[in-house]
Amino acid sequence: MARDQHAVMIRVYDDYLKRDNLMAGIRHIGQSSAALILAIFILVGCATHQVQVQDQDEAPEYASTRLLVSLARVEETLTSAELLMDLFPQLLLRDREIDDAIVYVTRHPDYRSYHLLNAIWKADPAHLERISAGTRAKILVSAMGVATVMSDWMPPWSKKAEYYGASEILINLGEPALEYLCELLHDKKIVDWRLLSNANLPPLRTADYARWHIARILKVEAAFVADVAERDRLIDDMLERCKAEKNK
């Protein structure tokens, strides 16, 4: 696919992702059907839409990296990003694109670099060593903080010893992530565990996810309780532990 076609696809897909009702419907159809529908939509959109890219002067050089920034701006999940990569393998990061991505994430240590960081990790985990642990922690915790659907993150009741998604990268960072995660303990915003899947669950907050991840990094118990008032007490306890860790 030519470079200008990549650019059109990015503009179309950025616009497409903002159509929340359509994206929600696609997520519930199933991955194989969703891939087909998504591919058709992009092909049709490439011929009919011309949407302006935001912050073009700050955008990464390559089409693949610009697309991943667009996905992060509209708070898409890693699953959505990886589905698009399956559809368009030429969007996978390679050599110079990895260099381009590393420059961008270093200059933008927040949620905008979330999908780029994951793509760098998928290309070769060794490349992450070119990005400081503090920068990686800022990006991941910023992404957790803006997320309203938490499917990229281990749920706060999980007892699994193995991690998946963004949780794996964040927990493996260890101590550098604590400062930023501790700040999220104040965030009581209601979030969804999965899209439209909270009907039988107690209210989940960003702070509950932050507390679970802090506990895993510190290797302490973080039992999940349904009662919100009790959870708030446990979050307060974790805040005290954060202060103690900071003063060490």
C-alpha atoms as a PDB file:
ATOM      1  CA  MET A   1       0.000   0.000   0.000  1.00  0.00           C
ATOM      2  CA  ALA A   2       1.474   3.360  -1.018  1.00  0.00           C
ATOM      3  CA  ARG A   3       2.394   5.952   1.614  1.00  0.00           C
ATOM      4  CA  ASP A   4      -0.421   8.351   0.595  1.00  0.00           C
ATOM      5  CA  GLN A   5      -2.947   5.503   0.869  1.00  0.00           C
ATOM      6  CA  HIS A   6      -1.665   4.837   4.405  1.00  0.00           C
ATOM      7  CA  ALA A   7      -2.244   8.486   5.263  1.00  0.00           C
ATOM      8  CA  VAL A   8      -5.825   8.399   3.973  1.00  0.00           C
ATOM      9  CA  MET A   9      -6.498   5.215   5.918  1.00  0.00           C
ATOM     10  CA  ILE A  10      -5.248   6.846   9.121  1.00  0.00           C
ATOM     11  CA  ARG A  11      -7.540   9.833   8.672  1.00  0.00           C
ATOM     12  CA  VAL A  12     -10.499   7.584   7.926  1.00  0.00           C
ATOM     13  CA  TYR A  13      -9.867   5.219  10.800  1.00  0.00           C
ATOM     14  CA  ASP A  14      -9.363   8.073  13.281  1.00  0.00           C
ATOM     15  CA  ASP A  15     -12.787   9.390  12.271  1.00  0.00           C
ATOM     16  CA  TYR A  16     -14.268   5.893  12.326  1.00  0.00           C
ATOM     17  CA  LEU A  17     -13.140   5.135  15.868  1.00  0.00           C
ATOM     18  CA  LYS A  18     -14.980   8.184  17.159  1.00  0.00           C
ATOM     19  CA  ARG A  19     -18.274   6.636  16.046  1.00  0.00           C
ATOM     20  CA  ASP A  20     -18.848   4.965  19.413  1.00  0.00           C
ATOM     21  CA  ASN A  21     -22.076   3.132  18.611  1.00  0.00           C
ATOM     22  CA  LEU A  22     -20.654   1.526  15.493  1.00  0.00           C
ATOM     23  CA  MET A  23     -17.435   0.488  17.262  1.00  0.00           C
ATOM     24  CA  ALA A  24     -19.425  -0.978  20.161  1.00  0.00           C
ATOM     25  CA  GLY A  25     -21.519  -3.011  17.751  1.00  0.00           C
ATOM     26  CA  ILE A  26     -18.485  -4.329  15.932  1.00  0.00           C
ATOM     27  CA  ARG A  27     -16.855  -5.444  19.193  1.00  0.00           C
ATOM     28  CA  HIS A  28     -19.870  -7.683  19.917  1.00  0.00           C
ATOM     29  CA  ILE A  29     -20.009  -9.379  16.528  1.00  0.00           C
ATOM     30  CA  GLY A  30     -16.884 -11.457  17.091  1.00  0.00           C
ATOM     31  CA  GLN A  31     -13.312 -11.007  15.975  1.00  0.00           C
ATOM     32  CA  SER A  32     -13.460 -12.695  12.562  1.00  0.00           C
ATOM     33  CA  SER A  33     -16.644 -10.930  11.500  1.00  0.00           C
ATOM     34  CA  ALA A  34     -15.401  -7.677  12.997  1.00  0.00           C
ATOM     35  CA  ALA A  35     -12.243  -7.938  10.923  1.00  0.00           C
ATOM     36  CA  LEU A  36     -14.258  -8.315   7.740  1.00  0.00           C
ATOM     37  CA  ILE A  37     -16.570  -5.425   8.584  1.00  0.00           C
ATOM     38  CA  LEU A  38     -13.643  -3.234   9.598  1.00  0.00           C
ATOM     39  CA  ALA A  39     -11.777  -3.986   6.384  1.00  0.00           C
ATOM     40  CA  ILE A  40     -14.827  -3.170   4.264  1.00  0.00           C
ATOM     41  CA  PHE A  41     -15.432   0.050   6.171  1.00  0.00           C
ATOM     42  CA  ILE A  42     -11.840   1.220   5.732  1.00  0.00           C
ATOM     43  CA  LEU A  43     -11.818   0.415   2.011  1.00  0.00           C
ATOM     44  CA  VAL A  44     -15.059   2.318   1.464  1.00  0.00           C
ATOM     45  CA  GLY A  45     -13.938   5.129   3.732  1.00  0.00           C
ATOM     46  CA  CYS A  46     -10.640   5.573   1.917  1.00  0.00           C
ATOM     47  CA  ALA A  47     -12.568   6.539  -1.179  1.00  0.00           C
ATOM     48  CA  THR A  48     -15.094   8.831   0.495  1.00  0.00           C
ATOM     49  CA  HIS A  49     -13.609  10.503   3.583  1.00  0.00           C
ATOM     50  CA  GLN A  50     -10.911  13.136   4.074  1.00  0.00           C
ATOM     51  CA  VAL A  51     -10.557  13.792   7.811  1.00  0.00           C
ATOM     52  CA  GLN A  52      -7.955  16.199   9.165  1.00  0.00           C
ATOM     53  CA  VAL A  53      -5.307  14.624  11.432  1.00  0.00           C
ATOM     54  CA  GLN A  54      -4.918  16.464  14.742  1.00  0.00           C
ATOM     55  CA  ASP A  55      -1.492  17.807  15.739  1.00  0.00           C
ATOM     56  CA  GLN A  56      -0.090  16.973  12.312  1.00  0.00           C
ATOM     57  CA  ASP A  57       3.048  18.998  13.070  1.00  0.00           C
ATOM     58  CA  GLU A  58       3.756  16.711  16.042  1.00  0.00           C
ATOM     59  CA  ALA A  59       2.769  13.469  14.326  1.00  0.00           C
ATOM     60  CA  PRO A  60       5.294  10.661  13.838  1.00  0.00           C
ATOM     61  CA  GLU A  61       6.836  10.368  10.387  1.00  0.00           C
ATOM     62  CA  TYR A  62       5.514   6.946   9.354  1.00  0.00           C
ATOM     63  CA  ALA A  63       1.912   5.932   8.638  1.00  0.00           C
ATOM     64  CA  SER A  64       2.020   2.955  10.998  1.00  0.00           C
ATOM     65  CA  THR A  65       3.159   5.058  13.944  1.00  0.00           C
ATOM     66  CA  ARG A  66       0.642   7.827  13.201  1.00  0.00           C
ATOM     67  CA  LEU A  67      -2.174   5.297  13.172  1.00  0.00           C
ATOM     68  CA  LEU A  68      -1.184   3.963  16.581  1.00  0.00           C
ATOM     69  CA  VAL A  69      -1.181   7.496  17.988  1.00  0.00           C
ATOM     70  CA  SER A  70      -4.685   8.006  16.576  1.00  0.00           C
ATOM     71  CA  LEU A  71      -5.868   4.823  18.286  1.00  0.00           C
ATOM     72  CA  ALA A  72      -4.500   6.019  21.608  1.00  0.00           C
ATOM     73  CA  ARG A  73      -6.125   9.432  21.282  1.00  0.00           C
ATOM     74  CA  VAL A  74      -9.575   7.849  21.086  1.00  0.00           C
ATOM     75  CA  GLU A  75      -8.747   5.415  23.908  1.00  0.00           C
ATOM     76  CA  GLU A  76      -8.973   2.226  21.861  1.00  0.00           C
ATOM     77  CA  THR A  77      -7.902  -1.050  23.466  1.00  0.00           C
ATOM     78  CA  LEU A  78      -4.853  -3.088  22.562  1.00  0.00           C
ATOM     79  CA  THR A  79      -7.202  -5.710  21.092  1.00  0.00           C
ATOM     80  CA  SER A  80      -8.532  -3.205  18.559  1.00  0.00           C
ATOM     81  CA  ALA A  81      -5.027  -2.094  17.634  1.00  0.00           C
ATOM     82  CA  GLU A  82      -3.793  -5.650  17.200  1.00  0.00           C
ATOM     83  CA  LEU A  83      -6.856  -6.520  15.102  1.00  0.00           C
ATOM     84  CA  LEU A  84      -5.934  -3.733  12.719  1.00  0.00           C
ATOM     85  CA  MET A  85      -2.348  -5.010  12.595  1.00  0.00           C
ATOM     86  CA  ASP A  86      -3.689  -8.451  11.639  1.00  0.00           C
ATOM     87  CA  LEU A  87      -5.679  -6.864   8.818  1.00  0.00           C
ATOM     88  CA  PHE A  88      -2.762  -4.754   7.603  1.00  0.00           C
ATOM     89  CA  PRO A  89       0.551  -6.503   8.414  1.00  0.00           C
ATOM     90  CA  GLN A  90       2.421  -3.690   6.686  1.00  0.00           C
ATOM     91  CA  LEU A  91       1.492  -1.536   9.680  1.00  0.00           C
ATOM     92  CA  LEU A  92       3.696  -3.618  11.992  1.00  0.00           C
ATOM     93  CA  LEU A  93       6.695  -1.622  13.152  1.00  0.00           C
ATOM     94  CA  ARG A  94       9.999  -2.253  11.414  1.00  0.00           C
ATOM     95  CA  ASP A  95      13.500  -0.771  11.772  1.00  0.00           C
ATOM     96  CA  ARG A  96      13.127   2.937  10.931  1.00  0.00           C
ATOM     97  CA  GLU A  97       9.508   2.912  12.137  1.00  0.00           C
ATOM     98  CA  ILE A  98      10.688   1.630  15.507  1.00  0.00           C
ATOM     99  CA  ASP A  99      13.196   4.485  15.678  1.00  0.00           C
ATOM    100  CA  ASP A 100      10.392   6.912  14.790  1.00  0.00           C
ATOM    101  CA  ALA A 101       8.149   5.419  17.486  1.00  0.00           C
ATOM    102  CA  ILE A 102      10.858   5.648  20.158  1.00  0.00           C
ATOM    103  CA  VAL A 103      11.431   9.327  19.368  1.00  0.00           C
ATOM    104  CA  TYR A 104       7.701  10.002  19.671  1.00  0.00           C
ATOM    105  CA  VAL A 105       7.144   8.174  22.964  1.00  0.00           C
ATOM    106  CA  THR A 106      10.187   9.843  24.507  1.00  0.00           C
ATOM    107  CA  ARG A 107       8.742  13.251  23.634  1.00  0.00           C
ATOM    108  CA  HIS A 108       5.173  12.325  24.599  1.00  0.00           C
ATOM    109  CA  PRO A 109       5.275  10.310  27.860  1.00  0.00           C
ATOM    110  CA  ASP A 110       1.510   9.960  28.243  1.00  0.00           C
ATOM    111  CA  TYR A 111      -1.464   7.990  26.947  1.00  0.00           C
ATOM    112  CA  ARG A 112      -0.882   9.176  23.352  1.00  0.00           C
ATOM    113  CA  SER A 113       2.133   6.846  23.187  1.00  0.00           C
ATOM    114  CA  TYR A 114       0.315   3.851  24.685  1.00  0.00           C
ATOM    115  CA  HIS A 115      -0.176   1.817  21.495  1.00  0.00           C
ATOM    116  CA  LEU A 116       3.250   2.746  20.187  1.00  0.00           C
ATOM    117  CA  LEU A 117       4.841   1.399  23.356  1.00  0.00           C
ATOM    118  CA  ASN A 118       2.969  -1.881  22.978  1.00  0.00           C
ATOM    119  CA  ALA A 119       3.912  -2.113  19.295  1.00  0.00           C
ATOM    120  CA  ILE A 120       7.585  -1.570  20.143  1.00  0.00           C
ATOM    121  CA  TRP A 121       7.338  -4.344  22.741  1.00  0.00           C
ATOM    122  CA  LYS A 122       5.651  -6.664  20.226  1.00  0.00           C
ATOM    123  CA  ALA A 123       8.332  -5.983  17.629  1.00  0.00           C
ATOM    124  CA  ASP A 124      11.155  -6.806  20.049  1.00  0.00           C
ATOM    125  CA  PRO A 125      11.043  -6.397  23.855  1.00  0.00           C
ATOM    126  CA  ALA A 126      14.737  -5.463  23.769  1.00  0.00           C
ATOM    127  CA  HIS A 127      13.817  -2.147  22.136  1.00  0.00           C
ATOM    128  CA  LEU A 128      12.040  -1.093  25.336  1.00  0.00           C
ATOM    129  CA  GLU A 129      15.439  -0.697  26.982  1.00  0.00           C
ATOM    130  CA  ARG A 130      15.959   2.326  24.722  1.00  0.00           C
ATOM    131  CA  ILE A 131      13.120   4.051  26.584  1.00  0.00           C
ATOM    132  CA  SER A 132      13.629   4.960  30.232  1.00  0.00           C
ATOM    133  CA  ALA A 133      11.616   3.018  32.809  1.00  0.00           C
ATOM    134  CA  GLY A 134      10.129   6.273  34.066  1.00  0.00           C
ATOM    135  CA  THR A 135       8.864   7.198  30.605  1.00  0.00           C
ATOM    136  CA  ARG A 136       7.337   3.765  30.092  1.00  0.00           C
ATOM    137  CA  ALA A 137       5.650   3.976  33.497  1.00  0.00           C
ATOM    138  CA  LYS A 138       4.203   7.427  32.763  1.00  0.00           C
ATOM    139  CA  ILE A 139       2.757   6.243  29.459  1.00  0.00           C
ATOM    140  CA  LEU A 140       1.141   3.114  30.877  1.00  0.00           C
ATOM    141  CA  VAL A 141      -0.298   4.740  33.991  1.00  0.00           C
ATOM    142  CA  SER A 142      -1.574   7.672  31.932  1.00  0.00           C
ATOM    143  CA  ALA A 143      -3.357   5.172  29.669  1.00  0.00           C
ATOM    144  CA  MET A 144      -4.878   3.443  32.681  1.00  0.00           C
ATOM    145  CA  GLY A 145      -5.998   6.803  34.020  1.00  0.00           C
ATOM    146  CA  VAL A 146      -7.887   7.860  30.886  1.00  0.00           C
ATOM    147  CA  ALA A 147      -9.369   4.436  30.107  1.00  0.00           C
ATOM    148  CA  THR A 148     -13.089   3.863  30.588  1.00  0.00           C
ATOM    149  CA  VAL A 149     -13.007   0.226  29.401  1.00  0.00           C
ATOM    150  CA  MET A 150     -10.316  -1.735  31.248  1.00  0.00           C
ATOM    151  CA  SER A 151      -9.977  -4.829  29.087  1.00  0.00           C
ATOM    152  CA  ASP A 152      -6.226  -4.224  28.669  1.00  0.00           C
ATOM    153  CA  TRP A 153      -5.681  -4.472  32.425  1.00  0.00           C
ATOM    154  CA  MET A 154      -5.847  -7.359  34.893  1.00  0.00           C
ATOM    155  CA  PRO A 155      -9.075  -7.051  36.937  1.00  0.00           C
ATOM    156  CA  PRO A 156      -8.739  -6.137  40.640  1.00  0.00           C
ATOM    157  CA  TRP A 157     -10.057  -9.521  41.802  1.00  0.00           C
ATOM    158  CA  SER A 158      -7.555 -11.581  39.795  1.00  0.00           C
ATOM    159  CA  LYS A 159      -5.405 -14.083  41.652  1.00  0.00           C
ATOM    160  CA  LYS A 160      -3.500 -15.267  38.589  1.00  0.00           C
ATOM    161  CA  ALA A 161       0.262 -15.470  38.823  1.00  0.00           C
ATOM    162  CA  GLU A 162       0.700 -14.700  35.114  1.00  0.00           C
ATOM    163  CA  TYR A 163      -0.127 -11.313  33.636  1.00  0.00           C
ATOM    164  CA  TYR A 164      -1.484 -10.227  30.279  1.00  0.00           C
ATOM    165  CA  GLY A 165      -1.871  -7.082  28.212  1.00  0.00           C
ATOM    166  CA  ALA A 166      -0.575  -3.786  29.504  1.00  0.00           C
ATOM    167  CA  SER A 167      -0.450  -5.187  33.046  1.00  0.00           C
ATOM    168  CA  GLU A 168       2.469  -7.414  32.104  1.00  0.00           C
ATOM    169  CA  ILE A 169       4.587  -4.487  30.917  1.00  0.00           C
ATOM    170  CA  LEU A 170       3.604  -2.256  33.840  1.00  0.00           C
ATOM    171  CA  ILE A 171       4.165  -4.775  36.634  1.00  0.00           C
ATOM    172  CA  ASN A 172       7.492  -5.844  35.157  1.00  0.00           C
ATOM    173  CA  LEU A 173       8.655  -2.224  35.443  1.00  0.00           C
ATOM    174  CA  GLY A 174       8.468  -2.546  39.213  1.00  0.00           C
ATOM    175  CA  GLU A 175       9.424   0.389  41.421  1.00  0.00           C
ATOM    176  CA  PRO A 176       9.530   3.112  38.713  1.00  0.00           C
ATOM    177  CA  ALA A 177       5.781   2.611  38.202  1.00  0.00           C
ATOM    178  CA  LEU A 178       4.830   3.056  41.869  1.00  0.00           C
ATOM    179  CA  GLU A 179       4.956   6.858  41.983  1.00  0.00           C
ATOM    180  CA  TYR A 180       2.482   7.207  39.125  1.00  0.00           C
ATOM    181  CA  LEU A 181       0.212   4.355  40.209  1.00  0.00           C
ATOM    182  CA  CYS A 182      -0.013   5.799  43.720  1.00  0.00           C
ATOM    183  CA  GLU A 183      -1.382   9.022  42.223  1.00  0.00           C
ATOM    184  CA  LEU A 184      -4.208   7.020  40.610  1.00  0.00           C
ATOM    185  CA  LEU A 185      -5.375   5.835  44.026  1.00  0.00           C
ATOM    186  CA  HIS A 186      -7.216   9.168  44.254  1.00  0.00           C
ATOM    187  CA  ASP A 187      -9.112   8.488  41.013  1.00  0.00           C
ATOM    188  CA  LYS A 188     -12.570   7.124  41.903  1.00  0.00           C
ATOM    189  CA  LYS A 189     -13.915   7.334  38.355  1.00  0.00           C
ATOM    190  CA  ILE A 190     -16.301   4.468  37.491  1.00  0.00           C
ATOM    191  CA  VAL A 191     -14.969   2.236  34.706  1.00  0.00           C
ATOM    192  CA  ASP A 192     -16.076  -0.877  32.820  1.00  0.00           C
ATOM    193  CA  TRP A 193     -14.230  -4.177  33.157  1.00  0.00           C
ATOM    194  CA  ARG A 194     -15.313  -5.122  29.645  1.00  0.00           C
ATOM    195  CA  LEU A 195     -17.591  -3.238  27.283  1.00  0.00           C
ATOM    196  CA  LEU A 196     -21.205  -3.639  28.487  1.00  0.00           C
ATOM    197  CA  SER A 197     -20.223  -6.400  30.932  1.00  0.00           C
ATOM    198  CA  ASN A 198     -20.607  -4.812  34.367  1.00  0.00           C
ATOM    199  CA  ALA A 199     -24.228  -5.754  35.026  1.00  0.00           C
ATOM    200  CA  ASN A 200     -23.434  -8.307  37.753  1.00  0.00           C
ATOM    201  CA  LEU A 201     -20.354  -6.611  39.189  1.00  0.00           C
ATOM    202  CA  PRO A 202     -19.988  -4.061  41.982  1.00  0.00           C
ATOM    203  CA  PRO A 203     -18.897  -0.594  40.806  1.00  0.00           C
ATOM    204  CA  LEU A 204     -15.288  -0.630  39.618  1.00  0.00           C
ATOM    205  CA  ARG A 205     -13.067   2.444  39.840  1.00  0.00           C
ATOM    206  CA  THR A 206      -9.705   3.374  38.377  1.00  0.00           C
ATOM    207  CA  ALA A 207      -8.355   3.391  41.936  1.00  0.00           C
ATOM    208  CA  ASP A 208      -9.269  -0.298  42.356  1.00  0.00           C
ATOM    209  CA  TYR A 209      -7.104  -1.175  39.352  1.00  0.00           C
ATOM    210  CA  ALA A 210      -4.259   1.011  40.587  1.00  0.00           C
ATOM    211  CA  ARG A 211      -4.341  -0.629  44.014  1.00  0.00           C
ATOM    212  CA  TRP A 212      -4.200  -4.141  42.519  1.00  0.00           C
ATOM    213  CA  HIS A 213      -1.200  -3.287  40.343  1.00  0.00           C
ATOM    214  CA  ILE A 214       0.630  -1.608  43.228  1.00  0.00           C
ATOM    215  CA  ALA A 215       0.051  -4.700  45.355  1.00  0.00           C
ATOM    216  CA  ARG A 216       1.504  -6.943  42.656  1.00  0.00           C
ATOM    217  CA  ILE A 217       4.600  -4.774  42.321  1.00  0.00           C
ATOM    218  CA  LEU A 218       5.094  -4.719  46.097  1.00  0.00           C
ATOM    219  CA  LYS A 219       4.185  -8.426  46.345  1.00  0.00           C
ATOM    220  CA  VAL A 220       1.534  -7.859  49.011  1.00  0.00           C
ATOM    221  CA  GLU A 221      -2.031  -9.119  49.346  1.00  0.00           C
ATOM    222  CA  ALA A 222      -4.778  -7.079  47.647  1.00  0.00           C
ATOM    223  CA  ALA A 223      -8.049  -8.891  48.278  1.00  0.00           C
ATOM    224  CA  PHE A 224     -11.008  -7.511  46.343  1.00  0.00           C
ATOM    225  CA  VAL A 225     -14.207  -6.816  48.285  1.00  0.00           C
ATOM    226  CA  ALA A 226     -17.580  -5.864  46.866  1.00  0.00           C
ATOM    227  CA  ASP A 227     -18.355  -3.242  49.493  1.00  0.00           C
ATOM    228  CA  VAL A 228     -17.222   0.135  48.170  1.00  0.00           C
ATOM    229  CA  ALA A 229     -16.693   1.670  51.616  1.00  0.00           C
ATOM    230  CA  GLU A 230     -14.409  -1.211  52.597  1.00  0.00           C
ATOM    231  CA  ARG A 231     -12.527  -0.868  49.330  1.00  0.00           C
ATOM    232  CA  ASP A 232     -12.042   2.830  50.046  1.00  0.00           C
ATOM    233  CA  ARG A 233     -10.533   1.905  53.411  1.00  0.00           C
ATOM    234  CA  LEU A 234      -8.160  -0.523  51.699  1.00  0.00           C
ATOM    235  CA  ILE A 235      -7.217   2.177  49.182  1.00  0.00           C
ATOM    236  CA  ASP A 236      -6.431   4.539  52.071  1.00  0.00           C
ATOM    237  CA  ASP A 237      -4.205   1.829  53.559  1.00  0.00           C
ATOM    238  CA  MET A 238      -2.411   1.520  50.224  1.00  0.00           C
ATOM    239  CA  LEU A 239      -1.914   5.284  50.109  1.00  0.00           C
ATOM    240  CA  GLU A 240      -0.151   5.053  53.454  1.00  0.00           C
ATOM    241  CA  ARG A 241       2.018   2.264  52.108  1.00  0.00           C
ATOM    242  CA  CYS A 242       2.844   4.446  49.105  1.00  0.00           C
ATOM    243  CA  LYS A 243       4.006   7.211  51.438  1.00  0.00           C
ATOM    244  CA  ALA A 244       6.166   4.743  53.315  1.00  0.00           C
ATOM    245  CA  GLU A 245       7.723   3.463  50.065  1.00  0.00           C
ATOM    246  CA  LYS A 246       8.441   7.021  48.946  1.00  0.00           C
ATOM    247  CA  ASN A 247      10.185   7.840  52.240  1.00  0.00           C
ATOM    248  CA  LYS A 248      12.456   4.804  52.183  1.00  0.00           C
END
